[in-house]
């Protein structure tokens, strides 16, 4: 992914239970690599990338939030002014999927009414350990009227497509005048390193 240099900027946040693979999805999307021992996100991780869609380059400001309960207060502030939210669960973890309703409720409470959402089931590379069927994930997304996709941060399967689907959902809403296109303001001077503090552990 190239650096953000264009006028349209979307703020996206990634949420979900700890260990669902949120940070690995972000790393795969931004840097096209996978690290199994990436560790827990402490508070919030932050990246600027750009995405080429329909001959237009859209800047993406992506916030990867911590899934642990102790960081909920910190990360809730990042819902403000969000254009899109990616809710991630682990297809091999029932507890991860059980928290999907909680995350949707958090979005309803914290995010703008116009925010778009996508539900993402991660770790399709672990098909032999799958506990959440594709149908269950799809039904959960349909009940919340949002897109759904399964991905693998490890192999890269569908990761870029998931972000494209989220941007497409925002674009469709903007055409209906439900959202307002945002012009990029002077970039805030924040380095990625300021947000990339990790605890040791598995991909979170």
N, C-alpha and C. Protein backbone atom coordinates (compact mmCIF):
# COMPACT_ATOMS: atom_id res chain seq x y z
N UNK A 1 0.84 -1.19 0.00
CA UNK A 1 0.00 0.00 0.00
C UNK A 1 0.88 1.25 0.00
N UNK A 2 0.47 2.26 -0.74
CA UNK A 2 1.24 3.49 -0.82
C UNK A 2 0.80 4.45 0.27
N UNK A 3 1.55 5.53 0.41
CA UNK A 3 1.22 6.53 1.43
C UNK A 3 0.00 7.33 1.02
N UNK A 4 -0.68 7.87 2.03
CA UNK A 4 -1.84 8.70 1.77
C UNK A 4 -1.41 10.02 1.15
N UNK A 5 -1.99 10.37 0.02
CA UNK A 5 -1.60 11.61 -0.62
C UNK A 5 -2.77 12.28 -1.32
N UNK A 6 -3.96 11.76 -1.12
CA UNK A 6 -5.09 12.24 -1.89
C UNK A 6 -6.14 12.90 -1.00
N UNK A 7 -7.16 13.50 -1.65
CA UNK A 7 -8.06 14.39 -0.94
C UNK A 7 -9.10 13.68 -0.09
N UNK A 8 -9.54 12.48 -0.47
CA UNK A 8 -10.58 11.79 0.28
C UNK A 8 -9.96 10.90 1.34
N UNK A 9 -10.38 11.10 2.57
CA UNK A 9 -9.81 10.34 3.69
C UNK A 9 -10.93 9.73 4.51
N UNK A 10 -10.87 8.41 4.71
CA UNK A 10 -11.85 7.70 5.52
C UNK A 10 -11.18 7.20 6.80
N UNK A 11 -11.89 7.34 7.89
CA UNK A 11 -11.42 6.81 9.16
C UNK A 11 -12.11 5.46 9.41
N UNK A 12 -11.30 4.40 9.49
CA UNK A 12 -11.80 3.06 9.74
C UNK A 12 -11.24 2.53 11.04
N UNK A 13 -12.04 1.78 11.79
CA UNK A 13 -11.53 1.14 12.99
C UNK A 13 -11.80 -0.36 12.92
N UNK A 14 -10.89 -1.12 13.52
CA UNK A 14 -11.01 -2.57 13.57
C UNK A 14 -11.24 -2.99 15.02
N UNK A 15 -12.32 -3.72 15.26
CA UNK A 15 -12.64 -4.13 16.62
C UNK A 15 -12.91 -5.63 16.67
N UNK A 16 -12.90 -6.17 17.87
CA UNK A 16 -13.15 -7.60 18.06
C UNK A 16 -12.42 -8.11 19.29
N UNK A 17 -12.73 -9.33 19.66
CA UNK A 17 -12.13 -9.96 20.82
C UNK A 17 -10.62 -10.09 20.65
N UNK A 18 -9.89 -9.99 21.74
CA UNK A 18 -8.46 -10.21 21.71
C UNK A 18 -8.16 -11.59 21.14
N UNK A 19 -7.13 -11.66 20.32
CA UNK A 19 -6.67 -12.89 19.66
C UNK A 19 -7.48 -13.27 18.41
N UNK A 20 -8.41 -12.41 18.00
CA UNK A 20 -9.19 -12.71 16.80
C UNK A 20 -8.36 -12.52 15.53
N UNK A 21 -7.25 -11.78 15.64
CA UNK A 21 -6.38 -11.58 14.49
C UNK A 21 -6.49 -10.21 13.86
N UNK A 22 -6.98 -9.23 14.62
CA UNK A 22 -7.16 -7.88 14.07
C UNK A 22 -5.84 -7.27 13.60
N UNK A 23 -4.82 -7.35 14.45
CA UNK A 23 -3.53 -6.75 14.10
C UNK A 23 -2.89 -7.46 12.91
N UNK A 24 -3.10 -8.76 12.83
CA UNK A 24 -2.54 -9.52 11.70
C UNK A 24 -3.24 -9.15 10.40
N UNK A 25 -4.54 -8.90 10.46
CA UNK A 25 -5.26 -8.44 9.28
C UNK A 25 -4.72 -7.10 8.81
N UNK A 26 -4.52 -6.18 9.75
CA UNK A 26 -4.00 -4.86 9.41
C UNK A 26 -2.59 -4.97 8.82
N UNK A 27 -1.75 -5.80 9.42
CA UNK A 27 -0.38 -5.97 8.93
C UNK A 27 -0.38 -6.56 7.52
N UNK A 28 -1.25 -7.54 7.28
CA UNK A 28 -1.34 -8.15 5.95
C UNK A 28 -1.80 -7.12 4.92
N UNK A 29 -2.80 -6.31 5.29
CA UNK A 29 -3.33 -5.32 4.36
C UNK A 29 -2.31 -4.23 4.04
N UNK A 30 -1.63 -3.75 5.07
CA UNK A 30 -0.71 -2.63 4.89
C UNK A 30 0.64 -3.04 4.33
N UNK A 31 1.18 -4.14 4.83
CA UNK A 31 2.55 -4.54 4.49
C UNK A 31 2.65 -5.87 3.76
N UNK A 32 1.52 -6.53 3.55
CA UNK A 32 1.47 -7.83 2.88
C UNK A 32 2.42 -8.84 3.53
N UNK A 33 2.37 -8.90 4.86
CA UNK A 33 3.14 -9.91 5.56
C UNK A 33 2.38 -10.40 6.77
N UNK A 34 2.85 -11.51 7.34
CA UNK A 34 2.17 -12.14 8.47
C UNK A 34 3.18 -12.48 9.55
N UNK A 35 2.83 -12.14 10.79
CA UNK A 35 3.67 -12.50 11.93
C UNK A 35 2.78 -13.16 12.98
N UNK A 36 3.04 -14.43 13.24
CA UNK A 36 2.17 -15.18 14.16
C UNK A 36 2.33 -14.74 15.60
N UNK A 37 3.47 -14.14 15.94
CA UNK A 37 3.72 -13.71 17.33
C UNK A 37 3.66 -12.19 17.45
N UNK A 38 2.72 -11.59 16.74
CA UNK A 38 2.63 -10.12 16.70
C UNK A 38 2.34 -9.52 18.06
N UNK A 39 1.55 -10.22 18.87
CA UNK A 39 1.30 -9.76 20.24
C UNK A 39 0.02 -8.97 20.40
N UNK A 40 -0.31 -8.65 21.64
CA UNK A 40 -1.52 -7.90 21.95
C UNK A 40 -1.33 -6.42 21.63
N UNK A 41 -2.37 -5.82 21.09
CA UNK A 41 -2.38 -4.36 20.94
C UNK A 41 -2.66 -3.73 22.29
N UNK A 42 -1.85 -2.75 22.66
CA UNK A 42 -2.06 -2.02 23.90
C UNK A 42 -2.69 -0.68 23.55
N UNK A 43 -3.97 -0.53 23.87
CA UNK A 43 -4.68 0.69 23.51
C UNK A 43 -5.08 0.70 22.06
N UNK A 44 -4.30 1.37 21.21
CA UNK A 44 -4.66 1.53 19.80
C UNK A 44 -3.40 1.54 18.94
N UNK A 45 -3.46 0.85 17.80
CA UNK A 45 -2.42 0.90 16.78
C UNK A 45 -3.00 1.70 15.61
N UNK A 46 -2.14 2.36 14.84
CA UNK A 46 -2.60 3.36 13.89
C UNK A 46 -1.80 3.30 12.60
N UNK A 47 -2.48 3.26 11.44
CA UNK A 47 -1.78 3.25 10.17
C UNK A 47 -2.49 4.15 9.16
N UNK A 48 -1.69 4.77 8.29
CA UNK A 48 -2.19 5.48 7.10
C UNK A 48 -1.85 4.62 5.89
N UNK A 49 -2.83 4.33 5.05
CA UNK A 49 -2.58 3.65 3.78
C UNK A 49 -3.50 4.25 2.72
N UNK A 50 -3.30 3.85 1.47
CA UNK A 50 -4.22 4.29 0.42
C UNK A 50 -4.71 3.09 -0.35
N UNK A 51 -5.91 3.24 -0.89
CA UNK A 51 -6.55 2.16 -1.63
C UNK A 51 -7.05 2.71 -2.95
N UNK A 52 -6.68 2.05 -4.04
CA UNK A 52 -7.12 2.46 -5.36
C UNK A 52 -8.44 1.78 -5.71
N UNK A 53 -9.46 2.58 -5.93
CA UNK A 53 -10.79 2.06 -6.27
C UNK A 53 -11.37 2.89 -7.41
N UNK A 54 -11.70 2.20 -8.52
CA UNK A 54 -12.37 2.86 -9.64
C UNK A 54 -11.64 4.13 -10.09
N UNK A 55 -10.34 3.98 -10.29
CA UNK A 55 -9.50 5.08 -10.77
C UNK A 55 -9.40 6.22 -9.77
N UNK A 56 -9.73 5.96 -8.53
CA UNK A 56 -9.60 6.98 -7.48
C UNK A 56 -8.80 6.40 -6.33
N UNK A 57 -7.92 7.21 -5.77
CA UNK A 57 -7.14 6.78 -4.62
C UNK A 57 -7.77 7.36 -3.36
N UNK A 58 -8.16 6.46 -2.47
CA UNK A 58 -8.82 6.86 -1.22
C UNK A 58 -7.87 6.63 -0.06
N UNK A 59 -7.66 7.67 0.72
CA UNK A 59 -6.83 7.54 1.91
C UNK A 59 -7.58 6.84 3.03
N UNK A 60 -6.93 5.91 3.68
CA UNK A 60 -7.54 5.18 4.80
C UNK A 60 -6.73 5.42 6.06
N UNK A 61 -7.39 5.92 7.06
CA UNK A 61 -6.80 6.12 8.38
C UNK A 61 -7.36 4.97 9.23
N UNK A 62 -6.54 3.96 9.51
CA UNK A 62 -7.04 2.73 10.13
C UNK A 62 -6.55 2.61 11.56
N UNK A 63 -7.50 2.42 12.48
CA UNK A 63 -7.21 2.27 13.90
C UNK A 63 -7.51 0.84 14.33
N UNK A 64 -6.49 0.16 14.83
CA UNK A 64 -6.61 -1.21 15.33
C UNK A 64 -6.73 -1.14 16.84
N UNK A 65 -7.89 -1.49 17.37
CA UNK A 65 -8.16 -1.31 18.80
C UNK A 65 -7.90 -2.58 19.60
N UNK A 66 -7.54 -2.41 20.86
CA UNK A 66 -7.33 -3.54 21.76
C UNK A 66 -8.66 -4.20 22.10
N UNK A 67 -8.65 -5.53 22.17
CA UNK A 67 -9.87 -6.26 22.49
C UNK A 67 -10.05 -6.55 23.96
N UNK A 68 -9.01 -6.32 24.77
CA UNK A 68 -9.11 -6.63 26.19
C UNK A 68 -10.02 -5.63 26.91
N UNK A 69 -10.72 -6.14 27.91
CA UNK A 69 -11.67 -5.32 28.67
C UNK A 69 -11.01 -4.09 29.27
N UNK A 70 -9.76 -4.21 29.73
CA UNK A 70 -9.12 -3.10 30.43
C UNK A 70 -8.84 -1.91 29.52
N UNK A 71 -8.93 -2.11 28.20
CA UNK A 71 -8.69 -1.00 27.27
C UNK A 71 -9.97 -0.46 26.66
N UNK A 72 -11.14 -0.96 27.10
CA UNK A 72 -12.40 -0.54 26.47
C UNK A 72 -12.62 0.96 26.57
N UNK A 73 -12.31 1.55 27.73
CA UNK A 73 -12.52 2.99 27.91
C UNK A 73 -11.63 3.79 26.98
N UNK A 74 -10.39 3.34 26.83
CA UNK A 74 -9.44 4.04 25.96
C UNK A 74 -9.90 3.98 24.51
N UNK A 75 -10.27 2.78 24.06
CA UNK A 75 -10.55 2.60 22.64
C UNK A 75 -11.92 3.13 22.23
N UNK A 76 -12.84 3.30 23.18
CA UNK A 76 -14.18 3.76 22.82
C UNK A 76 -14.15 5.14 22.18
N UNK A 77 -13.18 5.97 22.57
CA UNK A 77 -13.10 7.33 22.02
C UNK A 77 -12.78 7.32 20.53
N UNK A 78 -12.22 6.23 20.03
CA UNK A 78 -11.82 6.18 18.63
C UNK A 78 -13.00 5.87 17.70
N UNK A 79 -14.17 5.56 18.27
CA UNK A 79 -15.36 5.40 17.44
C UNK A 79 -15.82 6.73 16.87
N UNK A 80 -15.52 7.81 17.56
CA UNK A 80 -16.00 9.12 17.16
C UNK A 80 -15.49 9.49 15.77
N UNK A 81 -16.38 9.97 14.95
CA UNK A 81 -16.05 10.40 13.58
C UNK A 81 -15.61 9.24 12.68
N UNK A 82 -15.85 8.00 13.10
CA UNK A 82 -15.48 6.86 12.25
C UNK A 82 -16.41 6.80 11.05
N UNK A 83 -15.83 6.48 9.90
CA UNK A 83 -16.62 6.27 8.69
C UNK A 83 -17.00 4.81 8.51
N UNK A 84 -16.14 3.91 8.99
CA UNK A 84 -16.40 2.48 8.83
C UNK A 84 -15.80 1.69 9.96
N UNK A 85 -16.44 0.56 10.28
CA UNK A 85 -15.96 -0.32 11.34
C UNK A 85 -15.91 -1.76 10.83
N UNK A 86 -14.77 -2.40 11.06
CA UNK A 86 -14.61 -3.81 10.74
C UNK A 86 -14.66 -4.61 12.04
N UNK A 87 -15.66 -5.48 12.16
CA UNK A 87 -15.80 -6.32 13.35
C UNK A 87 -15.22 -7.69 13.01
N UNK A 88 -14.19 -8.10 13.76
CA UNK A 88 -13.47 -9.33 13.45
C UNK A 88 -13.71 -10.38 14.53
N UNK A 89 -13.98 -11.61 14.11
CA UNK A 89 -14.02 -12.74 15.03
C UNK A 89 -13.19 -13.87 14.47
N UNK A 90 -12.87 -14.81 15.33
CA UNK A 90 -12.04 -15.97 14.99
C UNK A 90 -12.97 -17.15 14.73
N UNK A 91 -12.92 -17.74 13.54
CA UNK A 91 -13.83 -18.83 13.20
C UNK A 91 -13.56 -20.10 14.00
N UNK A 92 -12.44 -20.14 14.73
CA UNK A 92 -12.12 -21.31 15.55
C UNK A 92 -12.46 -21.09 17.03
N UNK A 93 -13.07 -19.96 17.35
CA UNK A 93 -13.28 -19.58 18.75
C UNK A 93 -14.73 -19.15 18.98
N UNK A 94 -15.49 -19.98 19.68
CA UNK A 94 -16.89 -19.68 19.97
C UNK A 94 -17.04 -18.38 20.77
N UNK A 95 -16.14 -18.18 21.75
CA UNK A 95 -16.23 -16.96 22.57
C UNK A 95 -16.05 -15.71 21.73
N UNK A 96 -15.16 -15.80 20.76
CA UNK A 96 -14.93 -14.67 19.86
C UNK A 96 -16.21 -14.32 19.10
N UNK A 97 -16.88 -15.34 18.60
CA UNK A 97 -18.13 -15.11 17.85
C UNK A 97 -19.25 -14.66 18.78
N UNK A 98 -19.28 -15.19 19.99
CA UNK A 98 -20.33 -14.82 20.95
C UNK A 98 -20.31 -13.33 21.28
N UNK A 99 -19.14 -12.70 21.11
CA UNK A 99 -19.03 -11.28 21.45
C UNK A 99 -19.41 -10.34 20.29
N UNK A 100 -19.77 -10.92 19.16
CA UNK A 100 -20.12 -10.09 18.00
C UNK A 100 -21.25 -9.13 18.32
N UNK A 101 -22.29 -9.63 19.00
CA UNK A 101 -23.42 -8.76 19.35
C UNK A 101 -22.96 -7.60 20.24
N UNK A 102 -22.04 -7.90 21.16
CA UNK A 102 -21.51 -6.85 22.03
C UNK A 102 -20.85 -5.75 21.20
N UNK A 103 -20.06 -6.14 20.20
CA UNK A 103 -19.34 -5.15 19.40
C UNK A 103 -20.32 -4.31 18.57
N UNK A 104 -21.35 -4.95 18.04
CA UNK A 104 -22.36 -4.18 17.30
C UNK A 104 -23.07 -3.19 18.22
N UNK A 105 -23.33 -3.61 19.45
CA UNK A 105 -23.96 -2.70 20.42
C UNK A 105 -23.05 -1.52 20.74
N UNK A 106 -21.74 -1.80 20.85
CA UNK A 106 -20.77 -0.72 21.10
C UNK A 106 -20.78 0.29 19.96
N UNK A 107 -20.87 -0.21 18.74
CA UNK A 107 -20.91 0.68 17.58
C UNK A 107 -22.15 1.57 17.67
N UNK A 108 -23.29 0.97 18.01
CA UNK A 108 -24.53 1.74 18.11
C UNK A 108 -24.43 2.85 19.15
N UNK A 109 -23.72 2.56 20.24
CA UNK A 109 -23.61 3.53 21.33
C UNK A 109 -22.56 4.60 21.05
N UNK A 110 -21.44 4.21 20.41
CA UNK A 110 -20.28 5.09 20.33
C UNK A 110 -20.06 5.75 18.98
N UNK A 111 -20.43 5.07 17.90
CA UNK A 111 -20.09 5.56 16.56
C UNK A 111 -21.19 6.44 15.99
N UNK A 112 -20.88 7.25 14.98
CA UNK A 112 -21.91 8.07 14.32
C UNK A 112 -22.98 7.18 13.68
N UNK A 113 -24.21 7.64 13.60
CA UNK A 113 -25.29 6.83 13.00
C UNK A 113 -25.01 6.44 11.55
N UNK A 114 -24.22 7.25 10.85
CA UNK A 114 -23.96 7.00 9.43
C UNK A 114 -22.83 5.99 9.19
N UNK A 115 -22.20 5.50 10.25
CA UNK A 115 -21.05 4.61 10.07
C UNK A 115 -21.46 3.33 9.35
N UNK A 116 -20.57 2.84 8.48
CA UNK A 116 -20.81 1.56 7.79
C UNK A 116 -20.01 0.47 8.48
N UNK A 117 -20.48 -0.77 8.33
CA UNK A 117 -19.88 -1.88 9.07
C UNK A 117 -19.68 -3.07 8.15
N UNK A 118 -18.72 -3.93 8.52
CA UNK A 118 -18.55 -5.23 7.88
C UNK A 118 -18.16 -6.23 8.95
N UNK A 119 -18.74 -7.43 8.87
CA UNK A 119 -18.39 -8.51 9.79
C UNK A 119 -17.41 -9.44 9.08
N UNK A 120 -16.29 -9.73 9.76
CA UNK A 120 -15.20 -10.51 9.15
C UNK A 120 -14.86 -11.71 10.03
N UNK A 121 -14.95 -12.89 9.45
CA UNK A 121 -14.51 -14.11 10.12
C UNK A 121 -13.08 -14.40 9.70
N UNK A 122 -12.16 -14.43 10.64
CA UNK A 122 -10.73 -14.61 10.34
C UNK A 122 -10.28 -16.05 10.62
N UNK A 123 -9.15 -16.41 10.02
CA UNK A 123 -8.44 -17.69 10.23
C UNK A 123 -9.04 -18.84 9.42
N UNK A 124 -9.41 -18.57 8.17
CA UNK A 124 -9.91 -19.64 7.31
C UNK A 124 -8.81 -20.65 6.97
N UNK A 125 -7.57 -20.30 7.25
CA UNK A 125 -6.47 -21.25 7.06
C UNK A 125 -6.53 -22.39 8.08
N UNK A 126 -7.34 -22.22 9.13
CA UNK A 126 -7.50 -23.24 10.17
C UNK A 126 -8.85 -23.94 10.02
N UNK A 127 -9.16 -24.32 8.79
CA UNK A 127 -10.46 -24.92 8.49
C UNK A 127 -10.73 -26.18 9.32
N UNK A 128 -9.69 -26.94 9.59
CA UNK A 128 -9.86 -28.18 10.37
C UNK A 128 -10.20 -27.90 11.84
N UNK A 129 -10.04 -26.65 12.26
CA UNK A 129 -10.38 -26.27 13.64
C UNK A 129 -11.61 -25.36 13.70
N UNK A 130 -12.28 -25.21 12.57
CA UNK A 130 -13.43 -24.31 12.49
C UNK A 130 -14.53 -24.72 13.46
N UNK A 131 -15.07 -23.72 14.18
CA UNK A 131 -16.22 -23.93 15.07
C UNK A 131 -17.42 -23.08 14.65
N UNK A 132 -17.15 -22.02 13.91
CA UNK A 132 -18.23 -21.14 13.46
C UNK A 132 -18.42 -21.33 11.96
N UNK A 133 -19.57 -21.85 11.57
CA UNK A 133 -19.82 -22.08 10.15
C UNK A 133 -19.97 -20.76 9.41
N UNK A 134 -19.72 -20.82 8.11
CA UNK A 134 -19.91 -19.63 7.27
C UNK A 134 -21.35 -19.14 7.36
N UNK A 135 -22.27 -20.08 7.42
CA UNK A 135 -23.69 -19.72 7.49
C UNK A 135 -24.02 -18.91 8.75
N UNK A 136 -23.43 -19.30 9.88
CA UNK A 136 -23.67 -18.56 11.12
C UNK A 136 -23.14 -17.13 11.02
N UNK A 137 -21.97 -16.99 10.44
CA UNK A 137 -21.41 -15.66 10.26
C UNK A 137 -22.27 -14.81 9.34
N UNK A 138 -22.72 -15.41 8.25
CA UNK A 138 -23.56 -14.70 7.29
C UNK A 138 -24.88 -14.29 7.92
N UNK A 139 -25.47 -15.17 8.70
CA UNK A 139 -26.74 -14.85 9.36
C UNK A 139 -26.57 -13.70 10.35
N UNK A 140 -25.45 -13.70 11.07
CA UNK A 140 -25.18 -12.62 12.03
C UNK A 140 -25.06 -11.28 11.30
N UNK A 141 -24.37 -11.30 10.16
CA UNK A 141 -24.21 -10.06 9.38
C UNK A 141 -25.56 -9.61 8.79
N UNK A 142 -26.32 -10.56 8.27
CA UNK A 142 -27.61 -10.22 7.69
C UNK A 142 -28.56 -9.61 8.72
N UNK A 143 -28.49 -10.12 9.96
CA UNK A 143 -29.36 -9.60 11.01
C UNK A 143 -29.01 -8.16 11.36
N UNK A 144 -27.79 -7.74 11.02
CA UNK A 144 -27.36 -6.37 11.27
C UNK A 144 -27.26 -5.56 9.98
N UNK A 145 -27.72 -6.15 8.89
CA UNK A 145 -27.76 -5.47 7.58
C UNK A 145 -26.40 -4.94 7.16
N UNK A 146 -25.38 -5.80 7.29
CA UNK A 146 -24.04 -5.38 6.87
C UNK A 146 -23.37 -6.49 6.07
N UNK A 147 -22.36 -6.16 5.28
CA UNK A 147 -21.65 -7.17 4.50
C UNK A 147 -20.91 -8.16 5.40
N UNK A 148 -20.57 -9.30 4.81
CA UNK A 148 -19.85 -10.36 5.53
C UNK A 148 -18.83 -11.00 4.61
N UNK A 149 -17.68 -11.34 5.19
CA UNK A 149 -16.66 -12.06 4.43
C UNK A 149 -15.78 -12.84 5.40
N UNK A 150 -15.24 -13.96 4.94
CA UNK A 150 -14.26 -14.70 5.72
C UNK A 150 -12.88 -14.51 5.09
N UNK A 151 -11.86 -14.39 5.94
CA UNK A 151 -10.52 -14.08 5.46
C UNK A 151 -9.49 -14.94 6.19
N UNK A 152 -8.28 -14.88 5.68
CA UNK A 152 -7.13 -15.45 6.38
C UNK A 152 -6.01 -14.43 6.38
N UNK A 153 -5.70 -13.90 7.55
CA UNK A 153 -4.56 -12.98 7.64
C UNK A 153 -3.27 -13.71 7.33
N UNK A 154 -3.23 -15.01 7.63
CA UNK A 154 -2.00 -15.79 7.42
C UNK A 154 -1.70 -15.94 5.94
N UNK A 155 -2.71 -16.34 5.14
CA UNK A 155 -2.49 -16.55 3.71
C UNK A 155 -2.72 -15.29 2.89
N UNK A 156 -3.46 -14.35 3.47
CA UNK A 156 -3.81 -13.13 2.76
C UNK A 156 -5.14 -13.22 2.03
N UNK A 157 -5.76 -14.39 2.06
CA UNK A 157 -7.01 -14.60 1.33
C UNK A 157 -8.09 -13.61 1.79
N UNK A 158 -8.62 -12.85 0.83
CA UNK A 158 -9.76 -11.95 1.02
C UNK A 158 -9.50 -10.75 1.93
N UNK A 159 -8.27 -10.56 2.39
CA UNK A 159 -8.02 -9.44 3.31
C UNK A 159 -8.24 -8.10 2.61
N UNK A 160 -7.62 -7.92 1.45
CA UNK A 160 -7.82 -6.67 0.71
C UNK A 160 -9.28 -6.51 0.33
N UNK A 161 -9.92 -7.60 -0.06
CA UNK A 161 -11.32 -7.55 -0.46
C UNK A 161 -12.20 -7.07 0.69
N UNK A 162 -11.88 -7.47 1.92
CA UNK A 162 -12.67 -7.04 3.08
C UNK A 162 -12.65 -5.53 3.22
N UNK A 163 -11.47 -4.93 3.07
CA UNK A 163 -11.37 -3.47 3.16
C UNK A 163 -12.07 -2.80 1.97
N UNK A 164 -11.96 -3.41 0.80
CA UNK A 164 -12.64 -2.86 -0.37
C UNK A 164 -14.15 -2.89 -0.18
N UNK A 165 -14.65 -3.97 0.42
CA UNK A 165 -16.10 -4.07 0.67
C UNK A 165 -16.56 -3.00 1.66
N UNK A 166 -15.74 -2.71 2.66
CA UNK A 166 -16.09 -1.68 3.63
C UNK A 166 -16.11 -0.30 2.97
N UNK A 167 -15.11 -0.04 2.13
CA UNK A 167 -15.07 1.24 1.40
C UNK A 167 -16.25 1.33 0.43
N UNK A 168 -16.57 0.22 -0.24
CA UNK A 168 -17.72 0.21 -1.16
C UNK A 168 -19.02 0.52 -0.42
N UNK A 169 -19.16 -0.02 0.79
CA UNK A 169 -20.36 0.24 1.58
C UNK A 169 -20.46 1.72 1.92
N UNK A 170 -19.31 2.32 2.25
CA UNK A 170 -19.31 3.76 2.54
C UNK A 170 -19.65 4.56 1.28
N UNK A 171 -19.07 4.17 0.15
CA UNK A 171 -19.32 4.86 -1.11
C UNK A 171 -20.80 4.82 -1.47
N UNK A 172 -21.41 3.65 -1.28
CA UNK A 172 -22.83 3.51 -1.59
C UNK A 172 -23.67 4.42 -0.70
N UNK A 173 -23.33 4.50 0.57
CA UNK A 173 -24.07 5.39 1.47
C UNK A 173 -23.87 6.85 1.10
N UNK A 174 -22.64 7.19 0.68
CA UNK A 174 -22.38 8.58 0.32
C UNK A 174 -23.18 8.99 -0.90
N UNK A 175 -23.43 8.05 -1.81
CA UNK A 175 -24.24 8.35 -2.98
C UNK A 175 -25.69 8.63 -2.59
N UNK A 176 -26.10 8.01 -1.48
CA UNK A 176 -27.46 8.22 -0.99
C UNK A 176 -27.54 9.43 -0.06
N UNK A 177 -26.41 10.15 0.05
CA UNK A 177 -26.32 11.35 0.89
C UNK A 177 -26.51 11.03 2.38
N UNK A 178 -26.22 9.78 2.74
CA UNK A 178 -26.29 9.39 4.14
C UNK A 178 -24.98 9.72 4.84
N UNK A 179 -23.91 9.73 4.08
CA UNK A 179 -22.62 10.14 4.62
C UNK A 179 -22.12 11.33 3.83
N UNK A 180 -21.21 12.08 4.40
CA UNK A 180 -20.64 13.24 3.74
C UNK A 180 -19.18 12.98 3.40
N UNK A 181 -18.79 13.08 2.12
CA UNK A 181 -17.38 12.91 1.76
C UNK A 181 -16.52 13.87 2.54
N UNK A 182 -15.39 13.38 2.99
CA UNK A 182 -14.50 14.19 3.82
C UNK A 182 -13.23 14.51 3.04
N UNK A 183 -12.87 15.77 2.99
CA UNK A 183 -11.62 16.17 2.39
C UNK A 183 -10.52 16.06 3.42
N UNK A 184 -9.38 15.59 2.97
CA UNK A 184 -8.27 15.42 3.90
C UNK A 184 -7.78 16.77 4.41
N UNK A 185 -7.72 16.90 5.72
CA UNK A 185 -7.19 18.10 6.33
C UNK A 185 -5.69 17.94 6.51
N UNK A 186 -5.05 18.96 7.03
CA UNK A 186 -3.62 18.86 7.30
C UNK A 186 -3.38 17.64 8.17
N UNK A 187 -2.48 16.79 7.74
CA UNK A 187 -2.27 15.53 8.44
C UNK A 187 -1.72 15.75 9.84
N UNK A 188 -2.34 15.07 10.78
CA UNK A 188 -1.86 15.14 12.15
C UNK A 188 -0.50 14.48 12.23
N UNK A 189 0.43 15.10 12.95
CA UNK A 189 1.78 14.57 13.02
C UNK A 189 1.86 13.48 14.07
N UNK A 190 1.47 12.28 13.65
CA UNK A 190 1.51 11.11 14.52
C UNK A 190 2.29 10.03 13.79
N UNK A 191 3.25 9.45 14.43
CA UNK A 191 3.99 8.36 13.83
C UNK A 191 3.36 7.05 14.22
N UNK A 192 3.47 6.05 13.33
CA UNK A 192 2.93 4.74 13.64
C UNK A 192 3.52 4.17 14.91
N UNK A 193 4.81 4.46 15.13
CA UNK A 193 5.49 3.89 16.29
C UNK A 193 4.85 4.33 17.60
N UNK A 194 4.20 5.48 17.61
CA UNK A 194 3.57 5.98 18.82
C UNK A 194 2.45 5.07 19.29
N UNK A 195 1.89 4.28 18.35
CA UNK A 195 0.74 3.48 18.67
C UNK A 195 1.05 1.99 18.62
N UNK A 196 2.25 1.60 18.25
CA UNK A 196 2.55 0.21 18.01
C UNK A 196 3.24 -0.45 19.20
N UNK A 197 2.67 -0.29 20.38
CA UNK A 197 3.18 -0.95 21.57
C UNK A 197 2.46 -2.27 21.72
N UNK A 198 3.21 -3.35 21.85
CA UNK A 198 2.62 -4.67 21.89
C UNK A 198 3.07 -5.44 23.12
N UNK A 199 2.17 -6.25 23.66
CA UNK A 199 2.54 -7.26 24.63
C UNK A 199 2.89 -8.51 23.87
N UNK A 200 3.80 -9.33 24.42
CA UNK A 200 4.11 -10.59 23.77
C UNK A 200 2.89 -11.49 23.78
N UNK A 201 2.75 -12.26 22.74
CA UNK A 201 1.62 -13.17 22.66
C UNK A 201 1.38 -13.53 21.22
N UNK A 202 0.27 -14.19 20.94
CA UNK A 202 -0.06 -14.58 19.59
C UNK A 202 -0.76 -13.45 18.87
N UNK A 203 -1.00 -13.67 17.58
CA UNK A 203 -1.62 -12.65 16.75
C UNK A 203 -2.93 -12.20 17.36
N UNK A 204 -3.08 -10.87 17.53
CA UNK A 204 -4.29 -10.37 18.21
C UNK A 204 -5.20 -9.63 17.25
